[in-house]
Amino acid sequence: MAQLPALHKACLDGSLEGVRAALAQPDAPQVLQTPDADGRTPLHWAASSDAKHALIEALHAAGPLDVNARDASLWTPLMIASSAGALRVVQWLLAHGADAEVAEEGETALTALLDHGGDAAAAIHVLLGQGASPAGGGGLARFLAACVQRDQ
């Protein structure tokens, strides 16, 4: 992995003190939206865990965030949060305009959650409530197969 800017690294590490220090720098408004070498913004790194929710709030307080930004793999922060089963982050992103239907090669936030997010029935309920289609990202069969697999 290439050297990350300080704000990105603090978000990756889950360091609220590091985030606050980086946001205090004069270039913070630009860095807030600047992708790193992997195309990830600080929000992408902070979206990976509910334990990082305070970091997201700090980022949001510092300036506008693109909740639908895509990284080099074309994943959005919502897809990352969903794949991690980070319910609070999923809820926050959806409340701030994240698009639950964004797809990349058949992967949506809902299918990322089903494929990678562990036991996250509440997050599935939230995504479906926000209009995420179980028929997207590979079809209803994929959605049902993932649900059955989780039940076993």
C-alpha atoms as a PDB file:
ATOM      1  CA  MET A   1       0.000   0.000   0.000  1.00  0.00           C
ATOM      2  CA  ALA A   2       1.312   3.448  -0.901  1.00  0.00           C
ATOM      3  CA  GLN A   3       1.941   6.061   1.779  1.00  0.00           C
ATOM      4  CA  LEU A   4      -1.418   7.433   2.882  1.00  0.00           C
ATOM      5  CA  PRO A   5      -2.083  11.106   3.613  1.00  0.00           C
ATOM      6  CA  ALA A   6      -2.355  11.735   7.372  1.00  0.00           C
ATOM      7  CA  LEU A   7      -6.159  12.082   7.326  1.00  0.00           C
ATOM      8  CA  HIS A   8      -6.634   8.869   5.360  1.00  0.00           C
ATOM      9  CA  LYS A   9      -4.222   6.996   7.667  1.00  0.00           C
ATOM     10  CA  ALA A  10      -6.004   8.254  10.783  1.00  0.00           C
ATOM     11  CA  CYS A  11      -9.329   7.044   9.342  1.00  0.00           C
ATOM     12  CA  LEU A  12      -7.831   3.665   8.446  1.00  0.00           C
ATOM     13  CA  ASP A  13      -6.384   3.337  11.963  1.00  0.00           C
ATOM     14  CA  GLY A  14      -9.568   4.518  13.668  1.00  0.00           C
ATOM     15  CA  SER A  15      -7.732   7.346  15.421  1.00  0.00           C
ATOM     16  CA  LEU A  16     -10.085  10.180  16.363  1.00  0.00           C
ATOM     17  CA  GLU A  17      -7.129  12.205  17.683  1.00  0.00           C
ATOM     18  CA  GLY A  18      -5.329  11.695  14.375  1.00  0.00           C
ATOM     19  CA  VAL A  19      -8.425  12.753  12.428  1.00  0.00           C
ATOM     20  CA  ARG A  20      -8.797  15.892  14.539  1.00  0.00           C
ATOM     21  CA  ALA A  21      -5.114  16.751  14.096  1.00  0.00           C
ATOM     22  CA  ALA A  22      -5.284  16.253  10.323  1.00  0.00           C
ATOM     23  CA  LEU A  23      -8.483  18.299  10.081  1.00  0.00           C
ATOM     24  CA  ALA A  24      -6.737  21.156  11.900  1.00  0.00           C
ATOM     25  CA  GLN A  25      -4.241  21.500   9.034  1.00  0.00           C
ATOM     26  CA  PRO A  26      -4.739  24.286   6.456  1.00  0.00           C
ATOM     27  CA  ASP A  27      -5.137  21.787   3.582  1.00  0.00           C
ATOM     28  CA  ALA A  28      -7.894  19.811   5.362  1.00  0.00           C
ATOM     29  CA  PRO A  29     -10.781  20.959   3.118  1.00  0.00           C
ATOM     30  CA  GLN A  30      -8.955  19.689   0.027  1.00  0.00           C
ATOM     31  CA  VAL A  31      -7.719  16.454   1.630  1.00  0.00           C
ATOM     32  CA  LEU A  32     -11.252  15.676   2.831  1.00  0.00           C
ATOM     33  CA  GLN A  33     -12.298  15.022  -0.791  1.00  0.00           C
ATOM     34  CA  THR A  34      -8.950  13.861  -2.201  1.00  0.00           C
ATOM     35  CA  PRO A  35      -8.653  10.192  -3.092  1.00  0.00           C
ATOM     36  CA  ASP A  36      -5.501   8.300  -2.126  1.00  0.00           C
ATOM     37  CA  ALA A  37      -3.556   5.977  -4.449  1.00  0.00           C
ATOM     38  CA  ASP A  38      -6.388   3.401  -4.132  1.00  0.00           C
ATOM     39  CA  GLY A  39      -8.991   6.016  -5.015  1.00  0.00           C
ATOM     40  CA  ARG A  40     -10.332   6.057  -1.451  1.00  0.00           C
ATOM     41  CA  THR A  41     -11.358   9.192   0.361  1.00  0.00           C
ATOM     42  CA  PRO A  42     -11.085   9.442   4.148  1.00  0.00           C
ATOM     43  CA  LEU A  43     -14.779   8.498   4.269  1.00  0.00           C
ATOM     44  CA  HIS A  44     -14.052   5.185   2.531  1.00  0.00           C
ATOM     45  CA  TRP A  45     -11.519   4.319   5.252  1.00  0.00           C
ATOM     46  CA  ALA A  46     -13.801   5.471   8.080  1.00  0.00           C
ATOM     47  CA  ALA A  47     -16.796   3.526   6.727  1.00  0.00           C
ATOM     48  CA  SER A  48     -15.201   0.164   7.449  1.00  0.00           C
ATOM     49  CA  SER A  49     -16.444  -0.208  11.038  1.00  0.00           C
ATOM     50  CA  ASP A  50     -19.118   0.995  13.427  1.00  0.00           C
ATOM     51  CA  ALA A  51     -16.249   1.683  15.838  1.00  0.00           C
ATOM     52  CA  LYS A  52     -15.241   4.521  13.479  1.00  0.00           C
ATOM     53  CA  HIS A  53     -18.613   6.295  13.594  1.00  0.00           C
ATOM     54  CA  ALA A  54     -17.151   9.239  15.558  1.00  0.00           C
ATOM     55  CA  LEU A  55     -14.568   9.712  12.797  1.00  0.00           C
ATOM     56  CA  ILE A  56     -17.332  10.034  10.226  1.00  0.00           C
ATOM     57  CA  GLU A  57     -19.049  12.669  12.351  1.00  0.00           C
ATOM     58  CA  ALA A  58     -15.761  14.594  12.614  1.00  0.00           C
ATOM     59  CA  LEU A  59     -15.244  14.397   8.847  1.00  0.00           C
ATOM     60  CA  HIS A  60     -18.803  15.556   8.248  1.00  0.00           C
ATOM     61  CA  ALA A  61     -18.367  18.515  10.619  1.00  0.00           C
ATOM     62  CA  ALA A  62     -15.236  19.561   8.696  1.00  0.00           C
ATOM     63  CA  GLY A  63     -16.932  19.872   5.326  1.00  0.00           C
ATOM     64  CA  PRO A  64     -19.033  18.226   2.668  1.00  0.00           C
ATOM     65  CA  LEU A  65     -18.494  14.530   2.002  1.00  0.00           C
ATOM     66  CA  ASP A  66     -19.245  12.655  -1.198  1.00  0.00           C
ATOM     67  CA  VAL A  67     -21.104   9.652   0.203  1.00  0.00           C
ATOM     68  CA  ASN A  68     -21.293   8.114  -3.281  1.00  0.00           C
ATOM     69  CA  ALA A  69     -17.600   8.494  -4.202  1.00  0.00           C
ATOM     70  CA  ARG A  70     -16.111   5.404  -5.813  1.00  0.00           C
ATOM     71  CA  ASP A  71     -12.659   4.063  -5.076  1.00  0.00           C
ATOM     72  CA  ALA A  72     -10.356   2.437  -7.641  1.00  0.00           C
ATOM     73  CA  SER A  73     -12.384  -0.787  -7.321  1.00  0.00           C
ATOM     74  CA  LEU A  74     -15.533   1.297  -7.895  1.00  0.00           C
ATOM     75  CA  TRP A  75     -16.803   0.630  -4.360  1.00  0.00           C
ATOM     76  CA  THR A  76     -18.645   3.343  -2.447  1.00  0.00           C
ATOM     77  CA  PRO A  77     -18.399   3.961   1.307  1.00  0.00           C
ATOM     78  CA  LEU A  78     -21.842   2.320   1.627  1.00  0.00           C
ATOM     79  CA  MET A  79     -20.591  -0.844  -0.053  1.00  0.00           C
ATOM     80  CA  ILE A  80     -17.604  -0.899   2.310  1.00  0.00           C
ATOM     81  CA  ALA A  81     -19.786  -0.343   5.392  1.00  0.00           C
ATOM     82  CA  SER A  82     -22.224  -3.010   4.198  1.00  0.00           C
ATOM     83  CA  SER A  83     -19.478  -5.542   3.569  1.00  0.00           C
ATOM     84  CA  ALA A  84     -18.260  -4.943   7.121  1.00  0.00           C
ATOM     85  CA  GLY A  85     -21.775  -5.263   8.588  1.00  0.00           C
ATOM     86  CA  ALA A  86     -21.392  -1.744  10.052  1.00  0.00           C
ATOM     87  CA  LEU A  87     -25.072  -0.963  10.738  1.00  0.00           C
ATOM     88  CA  ARG A  88     -24.596   2.506  12.282  1.00  0.00           C
ATOM     89  CA  VAL A  89     -22.379   3.587   9.407  1.00  0.00           C
ATOM     90  CA  VAL A  90     -24.841   2.149   6.856  1.00  0.00           C
ATOM     91  CA  GLN A  91     -27.650   4.118   8.516  1.00  0.00           C
ATOM     92  CA  TRP A  92     -25.575   7.313   8.615  1.00  0.00           C
ATOM     93  CA  LEU A  93     -24.571   7.027   4.957  1.00  0.00           C
ATOM     94  CA  LEU A  94     -28.149   6.383   3.840  1.00  0.00           C
ATOM     95  CA  ALA A  95     -29.389   9.328   5.920  1.00  0.00           C
ATOM     96  CA  HIS A  96     -26.816  11.513   4.181  1.00  0.00           C
ATOM     97  CA  GLY A  97     -27.770  10.548   0.638  1.00  0.00           C
ATOM     98  CA  ALA A  98     -25.865   7.350  -0.142  1.00  0.00           C
ATOM     99  CA  ASP A  99     -27.368   5.471  -3.080  1.00  0.00           C
ATOM    100  CA  ALA A 100     -28.186   1.882  -2.079  1.00  0.00           C
ATOM    101  CA  GLU A 101     -28.546   0.835  -5.710  1.00  0.00           C
ATOM    102  CA  VAL A 102     -25.047   1.725  -6.941  1.00  0.00           C
ATOM    103  CA  ALA A 103     -23.592  -1.442  -8.444  1.00  0.00           C
ATOM    104  CA  GLU A 104     -20.203  -2.586  -9.662  1.00  0.00           C
ATOM    105  CA  GLU A 105     -19.933  -5.876 -11.545  1.00  0.00           C
ATOM    106  CA  GLY A 106     -23.135  -7.073  -9.925  1.00  0.00           C
ATOM    107  CA  GLU A 107     -22.116  -5.995  -6.411  1.00  0.00           C
ATOM    108  CA  THR A 108     -24.405  -3.610  -4.542  1.00  0.00           C
ATOM    109  CA  ALA A 109     -24.411  -2.551  -0.898  1.00  0.00           C
ATOM    110  CA  LEU A 110     -26.976  -5.279  -0.224  1.00  0.00           C
ATOM    111  CA  THR A 111     -25.057  -8.055  -1.953  1.00  0.00           C
ATOM    112  CA  ALA A 112     -21.805  -6.851  -0.313  1.00  0.00           C
ATOM    113  CA  LEU A 113     -23.541  -7.202   3.033  1.00  0.00           C
ATOM    114  CA  LEU A 114     -24.837 -10.667   2.185  1.00  0.00           C
ATOM    115  CA  ASP A 115     -21.483 -11.826   0.824  1.00  0.00           C
ATOM    116  CA  HIS A 116     -19.184 -10.334   3.437  1.00  0.00           C
ATOM    117  CA  GLY A 117     -21.093  -8.690   6.265  1.00  0.00           C
ATOM    118  CA  GLY A 118     -21.727 -11.548   8.635  1.00  0.00           C
ATOM    119  CA  ASP A 119     -24.938 -11.669  10.639  1.00  0.00           C
ATOM    120  CA  ALA A 120     -26.454  -8.319   9.848  1.00  0.00           C
ATOM    121  CA  ALA A 121     -30.221  -8.761   9.620  1.00  0.00           C
ATOM    122  CA  ALA A 122     -30.780  -5.206  10.870  1.00  0.00           C
ATOM    123  CA  ALA A 123     -28.558  -3.760   8.147  1.00  0.00           C
ATOM    124  CA  ILE A 124     -30.390  -5.815   5.525  1.00  0.00           C
ATOM    125  CA  HIS A 125     -33.671  -4.411   6.840  1.00  0.00           C
ATOM    126  CA  VAL A 126     -32.283  -0.844   6.647  1.00  0.00           C
ATOM    127  CA  LEU A 127     -31.026  -1.298   3.080  1.00  0.00           C
ATOM    128  CA  LEU A 128     -34.291  -2.848   1.910  1.00  0.00           C
ATOM    129  CA  GLY A 129     -36.178  -0.029   3.639  1.00  0.00           C
ATOM    130  CA  GLN A 130     -34.133   2.493   1.658  1.00  0.00           C
ATOM    131  CA  GLY A 131     -35.085   0.897  -1.637  1.00  0.00           C
ATOM    132  CA  ALA A 132     -32.212  -1.508  -2.184  1.00  0.00           C
ATOM    133  CA  SER A 133     -33.498  -4.157  -4.532  1.00  0.00           C
ATOM    134  CA  PRO A 134     -32.823  -7.795  -3.733  1.00  0.00           C
ATOM    135  CA  ALA A 135     -33.159  -8.390  -7.466  1.00  0.00           C
ATOM    136  CA  GLY A 136     -30.169  -6.154  -8.201  1.00  0.00           C
ATOM    137  CA  GLY A 137     -26.557  -7.255  -8.146  1.00  0.00           C
ATOM    138  CA  GLY A 138     -26.983 -10.738  -9.503  1.00  0.00           C
ATOM    139  CA  GLY A 139     -30.655 -11.356  -9.119  1.00  0.00           C
ATOM    140  CA  LEU A 140     -33.105 -12.533  -6.550  1.00  0.00           C
ATOM    141  CA  ALA A 141     -31.614 -16.040  -6.577  1.00  0.00           C
ATOM    142  CA  ARG A 142     -28.319 -14.677  -5.232  1.00  0.00           C
ATOM    143  CA  PHE A 143     -30.164 -12.785  -2.495  1.00  0.00           C
ATOM    144  CA  LEU A 144     -32.175 -15.832  -1.444  1.00  0.00           C
ATOM    145  CA  ALA A 145     -29.156 -18.142  -1.584  1.00  0.00           C
ATOM    146  CA  ALA A 146     -27.228 -15.815   0.710  1.00  0.00           C
ATOM    147  CA  CYS A 147     -30.158 -15.664   3.131  1.00  0.00           C
ATOM    148  CA  VAL A 148     -30.469 -19.460   3.218  1.00  0.00           C
ATOM    149  CA  GLN A 149     -26.718 -19.856   3.697  1.00  0.00           C
ATOM    150  CA  ARG A 150     -26.827 -17.454   6.673  1.00  0.00           C
ATOM    151  CA  ASP A 151     -29.673 -19.497   8.236  1.00  0.00           C
ATOM    152  CA  GLN A 152     -27.706 -22.765   8.186  1.00  0.00           C
END
